[in-house]
C-alpha atoms as a PDB file:
ATOM      1  CA  MET A   1      44.296 164.160 173.033  1.00  0.00           C
ATOM      2  CA  GLY A   2      44.887 161.503 175.739  1.00  0.00           C
ATOM      3  CA  PRO A   3      44.933 163.922 178.685  1.00  0.00           C
ATOM      4  CA  ALA A   4      41.790 165.642 177.439  1.00  0.00           C
ATOM      5  CA  ARG A   5      39.961 162.316 177.430  1.00  0.00           C
ATOM      6  CA  ARG A   6      40.870 161.765 181.074  1.00  0.00           C
ATOM      7  CA  ALA A   7      39.773 165.222 182.102  1.00  0.00           C
ATOM      8  CA  SER A   8      36.191 164.287 182.890  1.00  0.00           C
ATOM      9  CA  PRO A   9      33.941 161.241 182.942  1.00  0.00           C
ATOM     10  CA  GLY A  10      31.676 162.986 180.425  1.00  0.00           C
ATOM     11  CA  ALA A  11      34.545 163.278 177.954  1.00  0.00           C
ATOM     12  CA  ASP A  12      35.166 159.509 178.233  1.00  0.00           C
ATOM     13  CA  SER A  13      31.522 158.731 177.533  1.00  0.00           C
ATOM     14  CA  ASP A  14      31.503 161.188 174.605  1.00  0.00           C
ATOM     15  CA  ALA A  15      34.623 159.581 173.145  1.00  0.00           C
ATOM     16  CA  ARG A  16      33.114 156.111 173.608  1.00  0.00           C
ATOM     17  CA  ALA A  17      29.849 157.173 171.948  1.00  0.00           C
ATOM     18  CA  SER A  18      31.828 158.667 169.063  1.00  0.00           C
ATOM     19  CA  PHE A  19      33.866 155.465 168.697  1.00  0.00           C
ATOM     20  CA  GLU A  20      30.720 153.320 168.690  1.00  0.00           C
ATOM     21  CA  ALA A  21      29.040 155.542 166.094  1.00  0.00           C
ATOM     22  CA  ASP A  22      32.136 155.433 163.881  1.00  0.00           C
ATOM     23  CA  ALA A  23      32.378 151.649 164.261  1.00  0.00           C
ATOM     24  CA  LEU A  24      28.720 151.110 163.364  1.00  0.00           C
ATOM     25  CA  GLU A  25      29.237 152.929 160.065  1.00  0.00           C
ATOM     26  CA  HIS A  26      31.070 149.804 158.865  1.00  0.00           C
ATOM     27  CA  VAL A  27      28.320 147.292 159.628  1.00  0.00           C
ATOM     28  CA  ASP A  28      27.498 146.693 155.944  1.00  0.00           C
ATOM     29  CA  SER A  29      31.112 145.986 155.028  1.00  0.00           C
ATOM     30  CA  LEU A  30      31.481 143.644 158.002  1.00  0.00           C
ATOM     31  CA  TYR A  31      28.261 141.827 157.118  1.00  0.00           C
ATOM     32  CA  ARG A  32      29.344 141.311 153.489  1.00  0.00           C
ATOM     33  CA  THR A  33      32.652 139.883 154.662  1.00  0.00           C
ATOM     34  CA  ALA A  34      30.985 137.710 157.315  1.00  0.00           C
ATOM     35  CA  LEU A  35      28.530 136.371 154.758  1.00  0.00           C
ATOM     36  CA  ARG A  36      31.360 135.560 152.376  1.00  0.00           C
ATOM     37  CA  LEU A  37      33.101 133.668 155.190  1.00  0.00           C
ATOM     38  CA  THR A  38      30.085 131.792 156.562  1.00  0.00           C
ATOM     39  CA  ARG A  39      27.788 131.564 153.512  1.00  0.00           C
ATOM     40  CA  VAL A  40      24.834 131.478 155.958  1.00  0.00           C
ATOM     41  CA  PRO A  41      22.988 134.761 156.718  1.00  0.00           C
ATOM     42  CA  SER A  42      22.182 133.875 160.334  1.00  0.00           C
ATOM     43  CA  ASP A  43      25.805 132.841 160.983  1.00  0.00           C
ATOM     44  CA  ALA A  44      26.983 136.079 159.374  1.00  0.00           C
ATOM     45  CA  ASP A  45      24.664 138.069 161.662  1.00  0.00           C
ATOM     46  CA  ASP A  46      26.054 136.261 164.705  1.00  0.00           C
ATOM     47  CA  LEU A  47      29.632 136.815 163.552  1.00  0.00           C
ATOM     48  CA  VAL A  48      29.068 140.550 163.070  1.00  0.00           C
ATOM     49  CA  GLN A  49      27.371 140.799 166.458  1.00  0.00           C
ATOM     50  CA  ASP A  50      30.278 139.009 168.156  1.00  0.00           C
ATOM     51  CA  THR A  51      32.722 141.259 166.316  1.00  0.00           C
ATOM     52  CA  TYR A  52      31.033 144.414 167.584  1.00  0.00           C
ATOM     53  CA  LEU A  53      30.785 143.027 171.095  1.00  0.00           C
ATOM     54  CA  LYS A  54      34.536 142.347 171.122  1.00  0.00           C
ATOM     55  CA  ALA A  55      35.323 145.691 169.481  1.00  0.00           C
ATOM     56  CA  PHE A  56      33.267 147.673 171.988  1.00  0.00           C
ATOM     57  CA  ARG A  57      34.863 145.810 174.888  1.00  0.00           C
ATOM     58  CA  ALA A  58      38.324 146.533 173.459  1.00  0.00           C
ATOM     59  CA  ALA A  59      37.576 150.113 172.378  1.00  0.00           C
ATOM     60  CA  ASP A  60      40.291 151.451 174.672  1.00  0.00           C
ATOM     61  CA  SER A  61      42.907 149.465 172.756  1.00  0.00           C
ATOM     62  CA  PHE A  62      41.961 151.067 169.422  1.00  0.00           C
ATOM     63  CA  GLU A  63      44.526 153.654 168.348  1.00  0.00           C
ATOM     64  CA  PRO A  64      42.722 156.789 167.097  1.00  0.00           C
ATOM     65  CA  GLY A  65      43.911 157.841 163.678  1.00  0.00           C
ATOM     66  CA  THR A  66      44.369 154.267 162.419  1.00  0.00           C
ATOM     67  CA  ASN A  67      42.049 152.407 160.047  1.00  0.00           C
ATOM     68  CA  LEU A  68      38.956 151.509 162.088  1.00  0.00           C
ATOM     69  CA  ARG A  69      37.435 149.352 159.347  1.00  0.00           C
ATOM     70  CA  ALA A  70      40.617 147.284 159.041  1.00  0.00           C
ATOM     71  CA  TRP A  71      40.707 146.902 162.837  1.00  0.00           C
ATOM     72  CA  LEU A  72      37.087 145.696 162.869  1.00  0.00           C
ATOM     73  CA  LEU A  73      37.665 143.305 159.966  1.00  0.00           C
ATOM     74  CA  THR A  74      40.684 141.873 161.742  1.00  0.00           C
ATOM     75  CA  ILE A  75      38.503 141.167 164.772  1.00  0.00           C
ATOM     76  CA  LEU A  76      35.876 139.626 162.478  1.00  0.00           C
ATOM     77  CA  HIS A  77      38.391 137.340 160.742  1.00  0.00           C
ATOM     78  CA  ASN A  78      39.929 136.294 164.053  1.00  0.00           C
ATOM     79  CA  THR A  79      36.490 135.572 165.501  1.00  0.00           C
ATOM     80  CA  ALA A  80      35.550 133.529 162.427  1.00  0.00           C
ATOM     81  CA  ARG A  81      38.799 131.574 162.640  1.00  0.00           C
ATOM     82  CA  ASN A  82      38.230 130.920 166.343  1.00  0.00           C
ATOM     83  CA  ARG A  83      34.716 129.657 165.636  1.00  0.00           C
ATOM     84  CA  VAL A  84      35.973 127.221 163.017  1.00  0.00           C
ATOM     85  CA  ARG A  85      38.713 126.050 165.350  1.00  0.00           C
ATOM     86  CA  ASP A  86      36.292 125.647 168.244  1.00  0.00           C
ATOM     87  CA  ARG A  87      33.835 123.708 166.102  1.00  0.00           C
ATOM     88  CA  SER A  88      36.448 121.326 164.781  1.00  0.00           C
ATOM     89  CA  ARG A  89      38.577 121.250 167.950  1.00  0.00           C
ATOM     90  CA  ASP A  90      41.578 121.251 165.630  1.00  0.00           C
ATOM     91  CA  ALA A  91      43.828 124.108 164.656  1.00  0.00           C
ATOM     92  CA  VAL A  92      42.847 125.766 161.407  1.00  0.00           C
ATOM     93  CA  THR A  93      45.727 125.451 158.964  1.00  0.00           C
ATOM     94  CA  VAL A  94      46.070 126.344 155.335  1.00  0.00           C
ATOM     95  CA  ASP A  95      48.533 124.391 153.252  1.00  0.00           C
ATOM     96  CA  SER A  96      49.873 126.755 150.590  1.00  0.00           C
ATOM     97  CA  ASP A  97      50.683 123.838 148.275  1.00  0.00           C
ATOM     98  CA  VAL A  98      47.062 122.660 148.417  1.00  0.00           C
ATOM     99  CA  VAL A  99      45.870 126.206 147.692  1.00  0.00           C
ATOM    100  CA  ASP A 100      48.219 126.438 144.714  1.00  0.00           C
ATOM    101  CA  GLN A 101      47.008 123.063 143.416  1.00  0.00           C
ATOM    102  CA  ALA A 102      43.407 124.243 143.776  1.00  0.00           C
ATOM    103  CA  ALA A 103      44.237 127.273 141.670  1.00  0.00           C
ATOM    104  CA  ASP A 104      45.646 125.077 138.921  1.00  0.00           C
ATOM    105  CA  ALA A 105      42.682 122.706 138.960  1.00  0.00           C
ATOM    106  CA  PRO A 106      39.739 123.580 136.716  1.00  0.00           C
ATOM    107  CA  GLN A 107      37.257 125.227 139.065  1.00  0.00           C
ATOM    108  CA  PHE A 108      35.094 126.986 136.554  1.00  0.00           C
ATOM    109  CA  GLY A 109      31.671 125.817 135.591  1.00  0.00           C
ATOM    110  CA  ILE A 110      30.622 124.890 139.128  1.00  0.00           C
ATOM    111  CA  GLY A 111      27.112 126.190 139.516  1.00  0.00           C
ATOM    112  CA  GLY A 112      24.313 126.086 142.010  1.00  0.00           C
ATOM    113  CA  ARG A 113      25.445 128.909 144.274  1.00  0.00           C
ATOM    114  CA  ALA A 114      22.631 130.417 146.320  1.00  0.00           C
ATOM    115  CA  ASP A 115      21.725 134.078 146.000  1.00  0.00           C
ATOM    116  CA  ASP A 116      22.986 135.847 149.070  1.00  0.00           C
ATOM    117  CA  PRO A 117      23.420 139.612 149.589  1.00  0.00           C
ATOM    118  CA  GLU A 118      27.004 139.462 148.299  1.00  0.00           C
ATOM    119  CA  SER A 119      25.911 137.663 145.135  1.00  0.00           C
ATOM    120  CA  ILE A 120      23.104 140.150 144.587  1.00  0.00           C
ATOM    121  CA  LEU A 121      25.515 143.083 145.038  1.00  0.00           C
ATOM    122  CA  ILE A 122      27.982 141.583 142.582  1.00  0.00           C
ATOM    123  CA  ARG A 123      25.214 140.785 140.088  1.00  0.00           C
ATOM    124  CA  ASN A 124      23.960 144.360 140.220  1.00  0.00           C
ATOM    125  CA  THR A 125      27.369 146.027 139.946  1.00  0.00           C
ATOM    126  CA  LEU A 126      29.562 143.739 137.855  1.00  0.00           C
ATOM    127  CA  ALA A 127      29.240 142.555 134.297  1.00  0.00           C
ATOM    128  CA  PRO A 128      27.801 139.020 134.140  1.00  0.00           C
ATOM    129  CA  GLU A 129      31.034 137.530 132.828  1.00  0.00           C
ATOM    130  CA  LEU A 130      33.127 139.117 135.569  1.00  0.00           C
ATOM    131  CA  ARG A 131      30.571 138.176 138.209  1.00  0.00           C
ATOM    132  CA  ALA A 132      30.627 134.526 137.130  1.00  0.00           C
ATOM    133  CA  ALA A 133      34.432 134.473 137.053  1.00  0.00           C
ATOM    134  CA  VAL A 134      34.667 135.975 140.561  1.00  0.00           C
ATOM    135  CA  ASP A 135      32.069 133.532 141.940  1.00  0.00           C
ATOM    136  CA  GLU A 136      33.998 130.566 140.562  1.00  0.00           C
ATOM    137  CA  LEU A 137      37.373 131.464 142.066  1.00  0.00           C
ATOM    138  CA  PRO A 138      38.540 129.102 144.810  1.00  0.00           C
ATOM    139  CA  GLU A 139      37.704 130.591 148.242  1.00  0.00           C
ATOM    140  CA  ALA A 140      41.256 131.592 149.238  1.00  0.00           C
ATOM    141  CA  PHE A 141      41.758 133.522 145.994  1.00  0.00           C
ATOM    142  CA  ARG A 142      38.257 135.032 145.928  1.00  0.00           C
ATOM    143  CA  GLN A 143      38.746 136.333 149.464  1.00  0.00           C
ATOM    144  CA  ALA A 144      42.142 137.938 148.763  1.00  0.00           C
ATOM    145  CA  VAL A 145      41.035 139.485 145.452  1.00  0.00           C
ATOM    146  CA  TRP A 146      37.819 140.781 147.030  1.00  0.00           C
ATOM    147  CA  LEU A 147      39.600 142.426 149.969  1.00  0.00           C
ATOM    148  CA  ARG A 148      42.149 144.080 147.657  1.00  0.00           C
ATOM    149  CA  ASP A 149      40.169 145.005 144.561  1.00  0.00           C
ATOM    150  CA  VAL A 150      36.712 145.646 146.019  1.00  0.00           C
ATOM    151  CA  GLU A 151      37.332 146.589 149.656  1.00  0.00           C
ATOM    152  CA  GLU A 152      40.650 148.284 148.688  1.00  0.00           C
ATOM    153  CA  PHE A 153      42.751 147.142 151.645  1.00  0.00           C
ATOM    154  CA  THR A 154      46.537 147.127 151.469  1.00  0.00           C
ATOM    155  CA  TYR A 155      48.459 143.873 151.257  1.00  0.00           C
ATOM    156  CA  ALA A 156      49.638 144.323 154.847  1.00  0.00           C
ATOM    157  CA  GLU A 157      46.089 144.890 156.094  1.00  0.00           C
ATOM    158  CA  ILE A 158      44.842 141.802 154.250  1.00  0.00           C
ATOM    159  CA  ALA A 159      47.717 139.747 155.662  1.00  0.00           C
ATOM    160  CA  ASP A 160      46.774 140.852 159.182  1.00  0.00           C
ATOM    161  CA  MET A 161      43.085 140.126 158.606  1.00  0.00           C
ATOM    162  CA  LEU A 162      43.661 136.664 157.172  1.00  0.00           C
ATOM    163  CA  GLY A 163      46.591 135.789 159.424  1.00  0.00           C
ATOM    164  CA  ILE A 164      48.878 134.891 156.526  1.00  0.00           C
ATOM    165  CA  PRO A 165      52.178 136.368 155.291  1.00  0.00           C
ATOM    166  CA  ALA A 166      52.006 139.394 152.979  1.00  0.00           C
ATOM    167  CA  GLY A 167      53.837 137.407 150.300  1.00  0.00           C
ATOM    168  CA  THR A 168      51.063 134.801 150.337  1.00  0.00           C
ATOM    169  CA  VAL A 169      48.489 137.590 149.995  1.00  0.00           C
ATOM    170  CA  MET A 170      50.328 139.001 146.981  1.00  0.00           C
ATOM    171  CA  SER A 171      50.609 135.534 145.454  1.00  0.00           C
ATOM    172  CA  ARG A 172      46.908 134.784 145.927  1.00  0.00           C
ATOM    173  CA  ILE A 173      45.870 138.128 144.487  1.00  0.00           C
ATOM    174  CA  SER A 174      48.171 137.694 141.507  1.00  0.00           C
ATOM    175  CA  ARG A 175      47.004 134.139 140.849  1.00  0.00           C
ATOM    176  CA  GLY A 176      43.356 135.104 141.421  1.00  0.00           C
ATOM    177  CA  ARG A 177      43.617 137.960 138.949  1.00  0.00           C
ATOM    178  CA  ARG A 178      45.284 135.648 136.399  1.00  0.00           C
ATOM    179  CA  MET A 179      42.470 133.131 136.835  1.00  0.00           C
ATOM    180  CA  LEU A 180      39.893 135.919 136.343  1.00  0.00           C
ATOM    181  CA  PHE A 181      41.704 137.201 133.257  1.00  0.00           C
ATOM    182  CA  GLY A 182      42.033 133.698 131.815  1.00  0.00           C
ATOM    183  CA  ARG A 183      38.381 132.937 132.387  1.00  0.00           C
ATOM    184  CA  LEU A 184      37.271 136.239 130.862  1.00  0.00           C
ATOM    185  CA  GLN A 185      39.547 135.696 127.839  1.00  0.00           C
ATOM    186  CA  HIS A 186      38.069 132.216 127.430  1.00  0.00           C
ATOM    187  CA  LEU A 187      34.525 133.608 127.556  1.00  0.00           C
ATOM    188  CA  ARG A 188      35.343 136.286 125.004  1.00  0.00           C
ATOM    189  CA  SER A 189      36.817 133.742 122.569  1.00  0.00           C
ATOM    190  CA  VAL A 190      33.789 131.474 122.987  1.00  0.00           C
ATOM    191  CA  ASN A 191      31.361 134.360 122.431  1.00  0.00           C
ATOM    192  CA  ALA A 192      33.268 135.812 119.463  1.00  0.00           C
END
């Protein structure tokens, strides 16, 4: 396939147009993820725009036949991380012990979340109890569970996107699922 792409300038432009069209098919998924990361619609729009700008500039480095959506989401997560780092002028670090302590702390019952497109999607597709339990997960767990159970990425893909070890991804998903199960069990016993 490589030599055919080099055969004529028209073939290169056709391949580029095809890549761009394929990439743009994932704009909704990228926007949902960006909104979950930023929590501000205008910031999510900017993040998605920057992601596509970087992806189109680096289109030649994309390996055909691999997961384009995962590649785009990796760019999005890296761009988001770079923005946070640039804003704070400090390296973004996640202390696994702090994350584990957050999981053990009672996080449920925190209300007042604004309705954003992600919340509306969840409200329309998930049972109210499950929706509330997902919304109340600590961010690190909500993100890992969402990418695995809703977006259906592999552990390795999630690890690459979030820039954390695969073992940490598995731990967060496991703990997040346990928190969801515990919360749903609690709601069922209260409503019974």
